[in-house]
Amino acid sequence: MTALVRDLPASPDVPAAPQLERARPVAQQPGAAPSGKTTQRPWRRPARVEAPTPHIDLEAAQVAAQDLLVALGADLADESMRKTPARMAEAYAELLTPPPVERTTFPNTAGYDELIVVRAIPFHSLCQHHLLPFLGVAHVGYVPGDRLMGLSKLARVVELFARHLQVQERLTTQTADWLHEHLAPKGIGVAIEAEHLCMSLRGVQKPDARTVTSAFHGLVRDDARTRQEFLAAAGLPIGSSLPEGH
């Protein structure tokens, strides 16, 4: 759902701009990891699915941005910075508003039972500790059951969970859990590689350092050969050294 963002007043004394359209919460969140046995669930009609989105109060965000900029020594009387608090509020609202996902699936009439991998899906998210971006690529693969998912939807599921205050570990598991729950495949693998600007630009200041996380379900978790095949297709050289059941 695209947020409707308009120019906000430069002062909180001016009437507030209209609030964002907000996404509806997902009806069901994934639970604990399943057992090694793969159970095919009944197919459900494709639905418009959206991740839970926190209430975004643009007016309050603008006032907070204004206070922060003043505290940092910014001169908001300068014409070039007059609308900076509004722009900051709008930018964060955009970064934290996930798009809806049409859960489009098709019958697996050919009985395809090998890995399907979409690799190097670009994404960006916001670190919940410093509100600085982390960005990189996601690799998503699955062994289909009764249904196939449109390839673009795999990328959209990554974005669905990336548009939140996040940590990379949770983003990885949420993506894998959502696909396991809503697609009911025989196996799921998700691996994410990202650079965290909170590590590149501040603190230890190590640019180009990349963090790799992974989450597996079903055959990709329990069968070593299938897991190795997924990691090789994702282009991850660490695949050969990962232990059983990683």
Protein backbone atom coordinates (compact mmCIF):
# COMPACT_ATOMS: atom_id res chain seq x y z
CA MET A 1 0.00 0.00 0.00
CA THR A 2 1.60 3.22 -1.10
CA ALA A 3 1.74 5.84 1.63
CA LEU A 4 0.14 9.17 0.77
CA VAL A 5 2.69 11.74 1.92
CA ARG A 6 2.23 15.47 1.46
CA ASP A 7 4.33 18.51 2.42
CA LEU A 8 4.03 19.13 6.13
CA PRO A 9 4.01 22.55 7.82
CA ALA A 10 7.32 23.81 9.09
CA SER A 11 5.82 24.54 12.51
CA PRO A 12 3.65 22.39 14.80
CA ASP A 13 1.30 25.39 15.21
CA VAL A 14 0.03 24.89 11.69
CA PRO A 15 -2.73 22.24 11.27
CA ALA A 16 -1.37 18.77 10.70
CA ALA A 17 -1.21 17.13 7.31
CA PRO A 18 -3.39 14.08 6.65
CA GLN A 19 -2.09 10.85 8.16
CA LEU A 20 -0.64 8.01 6.14
CA GLU A 21 -2.78 5.22 4.81
CA ARG A 22 -1.63 2.31 6.92
CA ALA A 23 -1.37 -1.34 6.09
CA ARG A 24 -3.60 -3.91 7.69
CA PRO A 25 -1.89 -6.52 9.92
CA VAL A 26 -1.21 -10.04 8.78
CA ALA A 27 -3.90 -12.36 10.08
CA GLN A 28 -1.37 -14.98 11.17
CA GLN A 29 2.30 -14.90 12.01
CA PRO A 30 4.60 -17.93 11.67
CA GLY A 31 5.16 -20.01 14.78
CA ALA A 32 7.85 -22.40 15.85
CA ALA A 33 10.02 -24.27 13.40
CA PRO A 34 8.32 -27.36 11.96
CA SER A 35 9.52 -30.93 12.34
CA GLY A 36 11.58 -32.57 9.65
CA LYS A 37 8.49 -34.10 8.02
CA THR A 38 6.96 -31.98 5.28
CA THR A 39 3.16 -31.76 5.37
CA GLN A 40 1.25 -30.38 2.40
CA ARG A 41 -1.39 -27.92 3.56
CA PRO A 42 -4.60 -27.27 1.62
CA TRP A 43 -4.26 -24.53 -0.95
CA ARG A 44 -5.79 -21.20 0.03
CA ARG A 45 -7.10 -18.66 -2.43
CA PRO A 46 -4.49 -15.96 -3.24
CA ALA A 47 -4.84 -13.09 -0.83
CA ARG A 48 -3.50 -9.58 -0.39
CA VAL A 49 -1.07 -9.91 2.50
CA GLU A 50 0.57 -7.10 4.42
CA ALA A 51 2.99 -7.13 7.32
CA PRO A 52 2.00 -5.36 10.54
CA THR A 53 2.83 -1.67 10.30
CA PRO A 54 3.22 0.56 13.35
CA HIS A 55 1.15 3.73 13.57
CA ILE A 56 3.11 6.51 11.87
CA ASP A 57 2.23 9.96 13.16
CA LEU A 58 3.76 12.31 10.60
CA GLU A 59 3.09 15.46 12.59
CA ALA A 60 4.74 14.07 15.73
CA ALA A 61 7.64 12.73 13.65
CA GLN A 62 8.16 16.18 12.13
CA VAL A 63 8.18 17.86 15.55
CA ALA A 64 10.67 15.25 16.84
CA ALA A 65 12.89 15.74 13.76
CA GLN A 66 12.79 19.50 14.30
CA ASP A 67 13.84 19.08 17.95
CA LEU A 68 16.64 16.68 16.98
CA LEU A 69 18.03 19.00 14.32
CA VAL A 70 17.99 21.96 16.71
CA ALA A 71 19.75 19.82 19.35
CA LEU A 72 22.40 18.96 16.74
CA GLY A 73 23.03 22.64 16.08
CA ALA A 74 21.16 22.99 12.78
CA ASP A 75 19.84 26.45 11.83
CA LEU A 76 16.25 25.78 10.79
CA ALA A 77 15.78 29.47 10.01
CA ASP A 78 18.03 28.93 7.00
CA GLU A 79 15.83 28.75 3.90
CA SER A 80 17.55 25.59 2.66
CA MET A 81 16.66 23.75 5.91
CA ARG A 82 13.20 25.12 6.53
CA LYS A 83 11.46 21.99 5.25
CA THR A 84 14.09 19.50 6.44
CA PRO A 85 12.03 18.27 9.44
CA ALA A 86 9.11 17.51 7.12
CA ARG A 87 11.38 15.80 4.61
CA MET A 88 12.93 13.67 7.36
CA ALA A 89 9.51 12.57 8.62
CA GLU A 90 8.34 11.73 5.10
CA ALA A 91 11.52 9.81 4.31
CA TYR A 92 11.26 7.61 7.40
CA ALA A 93 7.54 7.06 6.76
CA GLU A 94 8.36 5.85 3.24
CA LEU A 95 11.16 3.57 4.45
CA LEU A 96 8.89 2.04 7.09
CA THR A 97 5.77 1.47 4.98
CA PRO A 98 5.83 -2.01 3.41
CA PRO A 99 4.02 -2.65 0.15
CA PRO A 100 1.21 -5.21 -0.02
CA VAL A 101 1.89 -8.62 -1.51
CA GLU A 102 -0.50 -10.46 -3.79
CA ARG A 103 0.01 -14.08 -2.79
CA THR A 104 -0.12 -15.38 -6.38
CA THR A 105 0.42 -19.13 -6.73
CA PHE A 106 -0.13 -21.63 -9.52
CA PRO A 107 -0.78 -25.39 -9.50
CA ASN A 108 2.36 -27.47 -9.87
CA THR A 109 0.81 -29.51 -12.67
CA ALA A 110 4.19 -30.71 -14.01
CA GLY A 111 5.14 -32.09 -10.59
CA TYR A 112 8.38 -30.07 -10.49
CA ASP A 113 10.28 -31.17 -7.38
CA GLU A 114 13.71 -29.56 -7.69
CA LEU A 115 15.01 -26.32 -6.19
CA ILE A 116 13.81 -22.96 -7.51
CA VAL A 117 16.21 -20.19 -6.47
CA VAL A 118 15.98 -16.44 -7.04
CA ARG A 119 19.36 -15.03 -6.09
CA ALA A 120 20.76 -11.55 -5.45
CA ILE A 121 17.44 -9.81 -4.71
CA PRO A 122 18.43 -6.23 -3.76
CA PHE A 123 16.92 -4.87 -0.54
CA HIS A 124 17.40 -2.14 2.06
CA SER A 125 16.19 -1.90 5.63
CA LEU A 126 16.72 0.22 8.75
CA CYS A 127 18.76 -1.01 11.70
CA GLN A 128 16.54 -0.76 14.77
CA HIS A 129 19.52 0.12 16.97
CA HIS A 130 20.84 3.21 15.15
CA LEU A 131 18.20 3.95 12.45
CA LEU A 132 20.92 3.68 9.84
CA PRO A 133 20.36 1.58 6.70
CA PHE A 134 21.65 -1.89 6.09
CA LEU A 135 21.47 -3.06 2.51
CA GLY A 136 22.48 -5.97 0.37
CA VAL A 137 20.98 -8.96 -1.39
CA ALA A 138 18.70 -11.84 -0.45
CA HIS A 139 18.73 -15.32 -1.94
CA VAL A 140 15.42 -17.19 -1.72
CA GLY A 141 14.85 -20.77 -2.81
CA TYR A 142 12.25 -23.47 -2.32
CA VAL A 143 11.40 -27.03 -3.29
CA PRO A 144 7.77 -26.80 -4.41
CA GLY A 145 4.91 -28.91 -3.18
CA ASP A 146 1.48 -28.64 -4.78
CA ARG A 147 1.82 -24.95 -5.65
CA LEU A 148 4.33 -22.69 -7.40
CA MET A 149 4.73 -19.01 -6.49
CA GLY A 150 5.25 -16.22 -9.02
CA LEU A 151 8.97 -15.41 -9.03
CA SER A 152 8.47 -11.69 -8.43
CA LYS A 153 6.51 -12.51 -5.29
CA LEU A 154 9.61 -14.00 -3.68
CA ALA A 155 11.28 -10.60 -4.02
CA ARG A 156 8.18 -8.85 -2.72
CA VAL A 157 8.12 -10.99 0.43
CA VAL A 158 11.67 -9.86 1.23
CA GLU A 159 10.59 -6.23 0.84
CA LEU A 160 7.46 -6.88 2.92
CA PHE A 161 9.61 -7.52 6.00
CA ALA A 162 12.54 -5.24 5.11
CA ARG A 163 10.42 -2.07 5.42
CA HIS A 164 10.55 -2.10 9.22
CA LEU A 165 12.97 -1.25 11.99
CA GLN A 166 14.87 -4.51 11.70
CA VAL A 167 17.80 -6.71 12.55
CA GLN A 168 19.14 -8.93 9.79
CA GLU A 169 18.61 -12.14 11.74
CA ARG A 170 14.89 -11.47 12.18
CA LEU A 171 14.45 -10.35 8.58
CA THR A 172 15.91 -13.68 7.44
CA THR A 173 13.70 -15.86 9.63
CA GLN A 174 10.54 -13.84 8.97
CA THR A 175 10.99 -14.25 5.21
CA ALA A 176 11.58 -17.99 5.50
CA ASP A 177 8.74 -18.51 8.00
CA TRP A 178 6.23 -16.54 5.89
CA LEU A 179 6.99 -18.58 2.76
CA HIS A 180 6.87 -21.84 4.71
CA GLU A 181 3.49 -20.91 6.18
CA HIS A 182 1.79 -19.48 3.07
CA LEU A 183 3.30 -21.58 0.26
CA ALA A 184 3.61 -24.96 2.05
CA PRO A 185 6.66 -26.13 0.03
CA LYS A 186 8.75 -29.22 0.72
CA GLY A 187 11.68 -27.01 1.67
CA ILE A 188 12.67 -23.34 2.04
CA GLY A 189 16.05 -21.64 2.09
CA VAL A 190 16.72 -17.93 2.68
CA ALA A 191 20.19 -16.39 2.88
CA ILE A 192 20.88 -12.67 3.24
CA GLU A 193 24.15 -10.78 2.72
CA ALA A 194 24.24 -7.15 3.85
CA GLU A 195 26.47 -4.23 4.74
CA HIS A 196 25.41 -2.36 7.87
CA LEU A 197 26.13 1.37 7.76
CA CYS A 198 26.09 1.46 11.57
CA MET A 199 29.27 -0.63 11.30
CA SER A 200 30.68 1.06 8.17
CA LEU A 201 30.23 4.75 9.06
CA ARG A 202 30.52 4.76 12.85
CA GLY A 203 31.93 2.73 15.70
CA VAL A 204 34.41 0.22 14.32
CA GLN A 205 34.17 1.88 10.85
CA LYS A 206 34.78 -1.18 8.66
CA PRO A 207 33.27 -0.46 5.23
CA ASP A 208 32.49 -3.37 2.90
CA ALA A 209 32.23 -5.87 5.77
CA ARG A 210 29.23 -8.07 4.99
CA THR A 211 27.06 -10.08 7.37
CA VAL A 212 25.58 -13.38 6.14
CA THR A 213 22.52 -14.98 7.77
CA SER A 214 20.44 -17.99 6.75
CA ALA A 215 17.20 -19.76 7.64
CA PHE A 216 16.05 -23.17 6.40
CA HIS A 217 12.90 -25.29 6.59
CA GLY A 218 12.00 -28.80 5.46
CA LEU A 219 14.28 -30.48 2.92
CA VAL A 220 16.68 -27.53 2.73
CA ARG A 221 17.29 -27.84 6.46
CA ASP A 222 17.17 -31.62 6.88
CA ASP A 223 18.80 -32.87 3.68
CA ALA A 224 22.49 -31.96 3.42
CA ARG A 225 22.63 -32.31 -0.37
CA THR A 226 19.61 -30.04 -0.91
CA ARG A 227 21.06 -27.47 1.49
CA GLN A 228 24.42 -27.53 -0.28
CA GLU A 229 22.65 -27.14 -3.64
CA PHE A 230 20.80 -24.07 -2.37
CA LEU A 231 23.92 -22.44 -0.96
CA ALA A 232 25.86 -23.15 -4.15
CA ALA A 233 23.05 -21.67 -6.28
CA ALA A 234 23.09 -18.61 -4.01
CA GLY A 235 26.82 -18.25 -4.67
CA LEU A 236 27.82 -18.65 -1.03
CA PRO A 237 31.28 -20.23 -0.74
CA ILE A 238 30.65 -21.09 2.92
CA GLY A 239 28.16 -23.76 1.85
CA SER A 240 30.65 -26.60 1.96
CA SER A 241 31.64 -25.83 5.55
CA LEU A 242 28.18 -25.50 7.08
CA PRO A 243 27.38 -28.32 9.52
CA GLU A 244 24.35 -30.60 9.30
CA GLY A 245 21.13 -28.92 10.46
CA HIS A 246 22.61 -25.39 10.43
